[in-house]
Amino acid sequence: MSVTHTATEDAEHPGGLEAGRYLTFTLHGEAYALDIFHVIEIIEYRTLTAVPMAPDFVRGVINLRGRAVPVVDLGIRFGQGATAVARRTSIIIVRSGDAGGTDGQDVGILVDMVNKVVGFGPGDVEPPPTFGTGIQPEFISGMARRENDFIIVLELERVLSPAEFAALSRAGREAPDDGP
């Protein structure tokens, strides 16, 4: 799906959020969304293998078809505490960097519950607020209006910086092999 926009629209939406499709999910009672362009797949929670000396927000790695994929707890990353594992807990596998190619790094994101894929038009999204969301403003690309509430649209490349993705990549390579 190709989306075009004008400089005027960029001025109205300084985060650069384009109309498109987004995967929505819940974390610590808040609704979030990620651009579907980054999402590779969604899997049920499974036991994680701990990685020594990994950043605190890295809960461990999973064996995904023979590859060690680091799993990040966004609750910890956002300073909201660890995500409790429950029946609907899921792991969203995303690709950082080159989302469609081979240069990106696959990372799992631990969430309370995956909701659905929704479409946001340019009029549905407001610029990110500078306060009051409970997470760092640079992690947010916009606030999408849905019914009588908002969904926080995350900026994946800012939630995990390139240096952090490099560290996660090393953690995935150094993880113990726990079989298929």
C-alpha atoms as a PDB file:
ATOM      1  CA  MET A   1       0.000   0.000   0.000  1.00  0.00           C
ATOM      2  CA  SER A   2       1.545   3.273  -1.057  1.00  0.00           C
ATOM      3  CA  VAL A   3       0.765   6.357   0.995  1.00  0.00           C
ATOM      4  CA  THR A   4       1.566   9.854  -0.178  1.00  0.00           C
ATOM      5  CA  HIS A   5       1.389  12.993   1.876  1.00  0.00           C
ATOM      6  CA  THR A   6       2.227  16.665   1.532  1.00  0.00           C
ATOM      7  CA  ALA A   7       4.549  18.983   3.429  1.00  0.00           C
ATOM      8  CA  THR A   8       1.452  20.525   5.030  1.00  0.00           C
ATOM      9  CA  GLU A   9       0.478  17.152   6.430  1.00  0.00           C
ATOM     10  CA  ASP A  10       4.032  16.699   7.760  1.00  0.00           C
ATOM     11  CA  ALA A  11       3.734  20.041   9.556  1.00  0.00           C
ATOM     12  CA  GLU A  12       0.446  18.942  11.119  1.00  0.00           C
ATOM     13  CA  HIS A  13       1.939  15.594  12.168  1.00  0.00           C
ATOM     14  CA  PRO A  14       5.558  16.311  13.113  1.00  0.00           C
ATOM     15  CA  GLY A  15       6.151  12.695  14.093  1.00  0.00           C
ATOM     16  CA  GLY A  16       5.830  11.803  10.406  1.00  0.00           C
ATOM     17  CA  LEU A  17       3.098   9.231  11.092  1.00  0.00           C
ATOM     18  CA  GLU A  18       1.509   8.188   7.831  1.00  0.00           C
ATOM     19  CA  ALA A  19      -1.892   6.722   7.195  1.00  0.00           C
ATOM     20  CA  GLY A  20      -1.710   2.962   7.174  1.00  0.00           C
ATOM     21  CA  ARG A  21      -2.303  -0.266   9.034  1.00  0.00           C
ATOM     22  CA  TYR A  22      -1.212  -0.801  12.608  1.00  0.00           C
ATOM     23  CA  LEU A  23      -1.179  -3.775  14.966  1.00  0.00           C
ATOM     24  CA  THR A  24      -2.807  -2.812  18.258  1.00  0.00           C
ATOM     25  CA  PHE A  25      -1.969  -4.399  21.598  1.00  0.00           C
ATOM     26  CA  THR A  26      -2.405  -3.847  25.311  1.00  0.00           C
ATOM     27  CA  LEU A  27       0.376  -3.373  27.830  1.00  0.00           C
ATOM     28  CA  HIS A  28      -0.221  -2.501  31.505  1.00  0.00           C
ATOM     29  CA  GLY A  29      -3.781  -1.384  30.728  1.00  0.00           C
ATOM     30  CA  GLU A  30      -2.818   1.007  27.902  1.00  0.00           C
ATOM     31  CA  ALA A  31      -3.536   0.596  24.183  1.00  0.00           C
ATOM     32  CA  TYR A  32      -0.541   0.772  21.831  1.00  0.00           C
ATOM     33  CA  ALA A  33       0.035   0.325  18.121  1.00  0.00           C
ATOM     34  CA  LEU A  34       2.967  -0.582  15.870  1.00  0.00           C
ATOM     35  CA  ASP A  35       3.184  -0.028  12.134  1.00  0.00           C
ATOM     36  CA  ILE A  36       2.337  -3.406  10.575  1.00  0.00           C
ATOM     37  CA  PHE A  37       5.311  -2.875   8.252  1.00  0.00           C
ATOM     38  CA  HIS A  38       7.638  -3.918  11.116  1.00  0.00           C
ATOM     39  CA  VAL A  39       5.613  -6.928  12.288  1.00  0.00           C
ATOM     40  CA  ILE A  40       6.854 -10.348  11.153  1.00  0.00           C
ATOM     41  CA  GLU A  41       4.545 -12.585  13.197  1.00  0.00           C
ATOM     42  CA  ILE A  42       2.710 -12.988  16.482  1.00  0.00           C
ATOM     43  CA  ILE A  43       3.308 -16.019  18.684  1.00  0.00           C
ATOM     44  CA  GLU A  44       1.973 -17.284  21.991  1.00  0.00           C
ATOM     45  CA  TYR A  45       4.184 -16.709  25.004  1.00  0.00           C
ATOM     46  CA  ARG A  46       6.695 -19.492  25.535  1.00  0.00           C
ATOM     47  CA  THR A  47       9.429 -20.083  28.060  1.00  0.00           C
ATOM     48  CA  LEU A  48      12.386 -17.768  27.602  1.00  0.00           C
ATOM     49  CA  THR A  49      16.056 -18.602  28.057  1.00  0.00           C
ATOM     50  CA  ALA A  50      17.800 -15.996  30.222  1.00  0.00           C
ATOM     51  CA  VAL A  51      20.876 -14.280  28.797  1.00  0.00           C
ATOM     52  CA  PRO A  52      23.520 -13.278  31.360  1.00  0.00           C
ATOM     53  CA  MET A  53      24.492  -9.593  31.417  1.00  0.00           C
ATOM     54  CA  ALA A  54      21.693  -8.571  29.026  1.00  0.00           C
ATOM     55  CA  PRO A  55      19.964  -5.215  29.630  1.00  0.00           C
ATOM     56  CA  ASP A  56      17.217  -5.471  32.275  1.00  0.00           C
ATOM     57  CA  PHE A  57      14.435  -5.013  29.698  1.00  0.00           C
ATOM     58  CA  VAL A  58      15.605  -8.118  27.776  1.00  0.00           C
ATOM     59  CA  ARG A  59      13.657 -10.947  29.384  1.00  0.00           C
ATOM     60  CA  GLY A  60      15.553 -13.613  27.440  1.00  0.00           C
ATOM     61  CA  VAL A  61      15.625 -15.290  24.040  1.00  0.00           C
ATOM     62  CA  ILE A  62      13.375 -17.765  22.280  1.00  0.00           C
ATOM     63  CA  ASN A  63      14.279 -20.394  19.744  1.00  0.00           C
ATOM     64  CA  LEU A  64      12.281 -19.394  16.668  1.00  0.00           C
ATOM     65  CA  ARG A  65      12.804 -22.008  13.970  1.00  0.00           C
ATOM     66  CA  GLY A  66      16.460 -22.458  14.887  1.00  0.00           C
ATOM     67  CA  ARG A  67      17.237 -18.770  15.479  1.00  0.00           C
ATOM     68  CA  ALA A  68      17.762 -17.179  18.876  1.00  0.00           C
ATOM     69  CA  VAL A  69      15.471 -14.136  18.993  1.00  0.00           C
ATOM     70  CA  PRO A  70      15.804 -11.708  21.925  1.00  0.00           C
ATOM     71  CA  VAL A  71      12.553 -10.822  23.707  1.00  0.00           C
ATOM     72  CA  VAL A  72      12.115  -7.310  25.101  1.00  0.00           C
ATOM     73  CA  ASP A  73       9.648  -6.448  27.866  1.00  0.00           C
ATOM     74  CA  LEU A  74       8.223  -3.053  26.919  1.00  0.00           C
ATOM     75  CA  GLY A  75       6.806  -2.669  30.420  1.00  0.00           C
ATOM     76  CA  ILE A  76      10.327  -2.614  31.839  1.00  0.00           C
ATOM     77  CA  ARG A  77      11.596  -0.498  28.924  1.00  0.00           C
ATOM     78  CA  PHE A  78       8.908   2.097  29.662  1.00  0.00           C
ATOM     79  CA  GLY A  79       9.628   2.064  33.402  1.00  0.00           C
ATOM     80  CA  GLN A  80       6.251   0.477  34.240  1.00  0.00           C
ATOM     81  CA  GLY A  81       7.556  -2.777  35.705  1.00  0.00           C
ATOM     82  CA  ALA A  82       7.719  -6.304  34.342  1.00  0.00           C
ATOM     83  CA  THR A  83       4.879  -7.662  32.248  1.00  0.00           C
ATOM     84  CA  ALA A  84       3.069 -10.443  34.101  1.00  0.00           C
ATOM     85  CA  VAL A  85       2.654 -13.591  32.038  1.00  0.00           C
ATOM     86  CA  ALA A  86      -0.997 -14.593  31.709  1.00  0.00           C
ATOM     87  CA  ARG A  87      -3.162 -16.646  29.376  1.00  0.00           C
ATOM     88  CA  ARG A  88      -3.252 -14.040  26.561  1.00  0.00           C
ATOM     89  CA  THR A  89       0.363 -12.863  26.858  1.00  0.00           C
ATOM     90  CA  SER A  90       1.931 -12.772  23.396  1.00  0.00           C
ATOM     91  CA  ILE A  91       5.230 -12.086  21.722  1.00  0.00           C
ATOM     92  CA  ILE A  92       5.177  -9.838  18.666  1.00  0.00           C
ATOM     93  CA  ILE A  93       8.150 -10.571  16.414  1.00  0.00           C
ATOM     94  CA  VAL A  94       9.259  -7.329  14.760  1.00  0.00           C
ATOM     95  CA  ARG A  95      12.079  -6.447  12.417  1.00  0.00           C
ATOM     96  CA  SER A  96      14.089  -3.371  13.151  1.00  0.00           C
ATOM     97  CA  GLY A  97      15.933  -1.302  10.590  1.00  0.00           C
ATOM     98  CA  ASP A  98      15.350  -2.724   7.104  1.00  0.00           C
ATOM     99  CA  ALA A  99      11.876  -4.112   7.788  1.00  0.00           C
ATOM    100  CA  GLY A 100      11.434  -5.846   4.472  1.00  0.00           C
ATOM    101  CA  GLY A 101      14.990  -7.014   3.891  1.00  0.00           C
ATOM    102  CA  THR A 102      17.759  -8.967   5.522  1.00  0.00           C
ATOM    103  CA  ASP A 103      19.646  -6.092   7.190  1.00  0.00           C
ATOM    104  CA  GLY A 104      17.236  -5.776  10.118  1.00  0.00           C
ATOM    105  CA  GLN A 105      17.284  -7.570  13.448  1.00  0.00           C
ATOM    106  CA  ASP A 106      14.331  -9.698  14.569  1.00  0.00           C
ATOM    107  CA  VAL A 107      13.240  -8.946  18.127  1.00  0.00           C
ATOM    108  CA  GLY A 108      10.317 -10.223  20.180  1.00  0.00           C
ATOM    109  CA  ILE A 109       8.187  -7.743  22.090  1.00  0.00           C
ATOM    110  CA  LEU A 110       6.376  -9.104  25.134  1.00  0.00           C
ATOM    111  CA  VAL A 111       2.827  -7.697  25.490  1.00  0.00           C
ATOM    112  CA  ASP A 112      -0.210  -8.435  27.654  1.00  0.00           C
ATOM    113  CA  MET A 113      -2.513  -9.049  24.707  1.00  0.00           C
ATOM    114  CA  VAL A 114      -2.601  -8.513  20.946  1.00  0.00           C
ATOM    115  CA  ASN A 115      -5.856  -6.915  19.813  1.00  0.00           C
ATOM    116  CA  LYS A 116      -6.240  -6.423  16.051  1.00  0.00           C
ATOM    117  CA  VAL A 117      -4.950  -4.675  12.949  1.00  0.00           C
ATOM    118  CA  VAL A 118      -6.564  -1.290  12.376  1.00  0.00           C
ATOM    119  CA  GLY A 119      -6.258   1.393   9.742  1.00  0.00           C
ATOM    120  CA  PHE A 120      -5.456   4.970  10.680  1.00  0.00           C
ATOM    121  CA  GLY A 121      -6.068   7.817   8.273  1.00  0.00           C
ATOM    122  CA  PRO A 122      -4.159  11.101   8.442  1.00  0.00           C
ATOM    123  CA  GLY A 123      -7.064  12.724  10.312  1.00  0.00           C
ATOM    124  CA  ASP A 124      -7.043  10.007  12.985  1.00  0.00           C
ATOM    125  CA  VAL A 125      -3.597  10.841  14.333  1.00  0.00           C
ATOM    126  CA  GLU A 126      -2.441  13.725  16.478  1.00  0.00           C
ATOM    127  CA  PRO A 127       1.153  14.675  17.288  1.00  0.00           C
ATOM    128  CA  PRO A 128       2.683  12.975  20.307  1.00  0.00           C
ATOM    129  CA  PRO A 129       2.107  14.736  23.619  1.00  0.00           C
ATOM    130  CA  THR A 130       5.062  16.117  25.527  1.00  0.00           C
ATOM    131  CA  PHE A 131       3.762  14.873  28.888  1.00  0.00           C
ATOM    132  CA  GLY A 132       1.297  12.575  30.602  1.00  0.00           C
ATOM    133  CA  THR A 133       1.766   9.257  28.770  1.00  0.00           C
ATOM    134  CA  GLY A 134       4.024   7.605  31.324  1.00  0.00           C
ATOM    135  CA  ILE A 135       6.658   6.803  28.687  1.00  0.00           C
ATOM    136  CA  GLN A 136       9.352   8.903  27.060  1.00  0.00           C
ATOM    137  CA  PRO A 137       7.845  11.207  24.393  1.00  0.00           C
ATOM    138  CA  GLU A 138      10.500  10.256  21.819  1.00  0.00           C
ATOM    139  CA  PHE A 139       9.146   6.675  21.846  1.00  0.00           C
ATOM    140  CA  ILE A 140       5.799   7.926  20.493  1.00  0.00           C
ATOM    141  CA  SER A 141       5.155   8.797  16.850  1.00  0.00           C
ATOM    142  CA  GLY A 142       1.556   9.895  17.449  1.00  0.00           C
ATOM    143  CA  MET A 143      -1.720   9.461  19.265  1.00  0.00           C
ATOM    144  CA  ALA A 144      -4.443   7.808  17.198  1.00  0.00           C
ATOM    145  CA  ARG A 145      -8.073   8.577  18.000  1.00  0.00           C
ATOM    146  CA  ARG A 146     -10.254   5.488  18.396  1.00  0.00           C
ATOM    147  CA  GLU A 147     -13.854   5.866  19.540  1.00  0.00           C
ATOM    148  CA  ASN A 148     -13.634   7.891  22.778  1.00  0.00           C
ATOM    149  CA  ASP A 149     -10.005   7.104  23.568  1.00  0.00           C
ATOM    150  CA  PHE A 150      -6.463   7.229  22.186  1.00  0.00           C
ATOM    151  CA  ILE A 151      -4.014   4.574  21.083  1.00  0.00           C
ATOM    152  CA  ILE A 152      -0.331   5.356  21.586  1.00  0.00           C
ATOM    153  CA  VAL A 153       1.495   4.727  18.305  1.00  0.00           C
ATOM    154  CA  LEU A 154       5.069   3.668  19.009  1.00  0.00           C
ATOM    155  CA  GLU A 155       8.146   4.664  17.042  1.00  0.00           C
ATOM    156  CA  LEU A 156       9.917   1.289  16.963  1.00  0.00           C
ATOM    157  CA  GLU A 157      13.281   2.682  15.882  1.00  0.00           C
ATOM    158  CA  ARG A 158      13.314   4.970  18.927  1.00  0.00           C
ATOM    159  CA  VAL A 159      12.009   2.435  21.432  1.00  0.00           C
ATOM    160  CA  LEU A 160      15.177   0.472  20.706  1.00  0.00           C
ATOM    161  CA  SER A 161      18.078   2.496  19.374  1.00  0.00           C
ATOM    162  CA  PRO A 162      20.475   1.050  16.759  1.00  0.00           C
ATOM    163  CA  ALA A 163      23.079   0.493  19.526  1.00  0.00           C
ATOM    164  CA  GLU A 164      20.529  -1.476  21.541  1.00  0.00           C
ATOM    165  CA  PHE A 165      19.599  -3.565  18.506  1.00  0.00           C
ATOM    166  CA  ALA A 166      23.296  -4.351  18.029  1.00  0.00           C
ATOM    167  CA  ALA A 167      23.501  -5.479  21.674  1.00  0.00           C
ATOM    168  CA  LEU A 168      20.350  -7.596  21.205  1.00  0.00           C
ATOM    169  CA  SER A 169      21.848  -9.141  18.096  1.00  0.00           C
ATOM    170  CA  ARG A 170      24.952 -10.120  20.102  1.00  0.00           C
ATOM    171  CA  ALA A 171      22.724 -11.519  22.870  1.00  0.00           C
ATOM    172  CA  GLY A 172      20.895 -13.653  20.323  1.00  0.00           C
ATOM    173  CA  ARG A 173      24.161 -15.025  18.936  1.00  0.00           C
ATOM    174  CA  GLU A 174      25.598 -15.708  22.417  1.00  0.00           C
ATOM    175  CA  ALA A 175      22.456 -17.380  23.811  1.00  0.00           C
ATOM    176  CA  PRO A 176      22.661 -21.032  24.740  1.00  0.00           C
ATOM    177  CA  ASP A 177      21.093 -23.370  22.193  1.00  0.00           C
ATOM    178  CA  ASP A 178      18.063 -24.953  23.846  1.00  0.00           C
ATOM    179  CA  GLY A 179      17.123 -27.170  20.931  1.00  0.00           C
ATOM    180  CA  PRO A 180      14.235 -26.870  18.448  1.00  0.00           C
END
